[in-house]
């Protein structure tokens, strides 16, 4: 996802549910990897990306703030 995807649902995962109907997803941390525009990857224990609330960090090497806010999810059958 990029800033251009703001306010648009973008597929980030696919599930084989074998007939089960999922109805909610609650990000608990550790499921996502964020890469800044400068290329810094936030995914280790120290910088764990937890989208259960707004998330933010700073890419020191490239002098850029990195954040994700108002994360929401939905399931769609395809």
Protein backbone atom coordinates (compact mmCIF):
# COMPACT_ATOMS: atom_id res chain seq x y z
CA UNK A 1 0.00 0.00 0.00
CA UNK A 2 1.13 3.54 -0.63
CA UNK A 3 -0.19 6.98 0.21
CA UNK A 4 -2.11 6.84 -3.10
CA UNK A 5 -4.21 4.03 -1.60
CA UNK A 6 -5.60 6.25 1.19
CA UNK A 7 -9.34 5.84 1.73
CA UNK A 8 -9.38 2.79 -0.57
CA UNK A 9 -9.58 -0.84 0.54
CA UNK A 10 -6.52 -2.68 -0.83
CA UNK A 11 -6.09 -6.47 -0.58
CA UNK A 12 -3.36 -7.32 1.94
CA UNK A 13 -4.16 -10.98 2.66
CA UNK A 14 -6.00 -13.94 1.20
CA UNK A 15 -7.47 -16.75 3.30
CA UNK A 16 -8.57 -20.24 2.34
CA UNK A 17 -11.45 -20.69 4.77
CA UNK A 18 -12.84 -24.02 3.47
CA UNK A 19 -16.45 -23.01 3.98
CA UNK A 20 -16.05 -21.02 7.19
CA UNK A 21 -17.35 -17.44 6.99
CA UNK A 22 -14.89 -15.04 8.71
CA UNK A 23 -16.53 -11.87 9.99
CA UNK A 24 -13.81 -9.80 11.70
CA UNK A 25 -10.05 -9.29 11.83
CA UNK A 26 -8.23 -7.78 14.79
CA UNK A 27 -4.58 -6.88 14.13
CA UNK A 28 -2.60 -7.84 17.22
CA UNK A 29 0.92 -6.82 16.18
CA UNK A 30 3.54 -8.73 14.26
CA UNK A 31 1.30 -9.38 11.23
CA UNK A 32 2.47 -6.40 9.19
CA UNK A 33 5.74 -5.13 7.77
CA UNK A 34 5.98 -1.42 6.92
CA UNK A 35 8.61 -0.05 4.54
CA UNK A 36 9.19 3.70 4.47
CA UNK A 37 9.51 5.62 1.22
CA UNK A 38 13.24 5.68 1.96
CA UNK A 39 13.37 1.88 2.17
CA UNK A 40 13.68 1.35 5.95
CA UNK A 41 11.78 -1.77 7.09
CA UNK A 42 9.83 -1.74 10.36
CA UNK A 43 9.14 -5.35 11.37
CA UNK A 44 11.41 -6.48 14.18
CA UNK A 45 10.51 -6.81 17.88
CA UNK A 46 11.75 -3.31 18.68
CA UNK A 47 9.69 -1.69 15.90
CA UNK A 48 6.72 -4.08 15.92
CA UNK A 49 3.88 -2.79 13.78
CA UNK A 50 0.70 -3.04 15.86
CA UNK A 51 -2.31 -1.70 13.98
CA UNK A 52 -4.79 -2.25 16.81
CA UNK A 53 -4.41 1.52 17.22
CA UNK A 54 -2.63 4.25 15.27
CA UNK A 55 1.04 3.41 14.63
CA UNK A 56 3.98 5.68 13.94
CA UNK A 57 7.76 5.64 13.90
CA UNK A 58 10.62 7.59 12.35
CA UNK A 59 13.05 6.59 9.58
CA UNK A 60 16.19 8.29 10.90
CA UNK A 61 18.37 7.37 7.89
CA UNK A 62 16.01 9.09 5.46
CA UNK A 63 14.63 11.78 7.80
CA UNK A 64 10.96 10.81 7.29
CA UNK A 65 8.06 10.20 9.64
CA UNK A 66 6.20 6.95 8.96
CA UNK A 67 2.67 6.30 10.25
CA UNK A 68 -0.53 4.34 9.73
CA UNK A 69 -3.77 5.65 11.19
CA UNK A 70 -7.43 4.71 11.08
CA UNK A 71 -6.70 1.14 9.93
CA UNK A 72 -9.86 -0.80 9.11
CA UNK A 73 -10.51 -4.15 7.49
CA UNK A 74 -13.29 -6.05 5.80
CA UNK A 75 -13.85 -9.50 4.32
CA UNK A 76 -15.09 -9.93 0.77
CA UNK A 77 -15.89 -13.19 -0.96
CA UNK A 78 -14.32 -13.50 -4.38
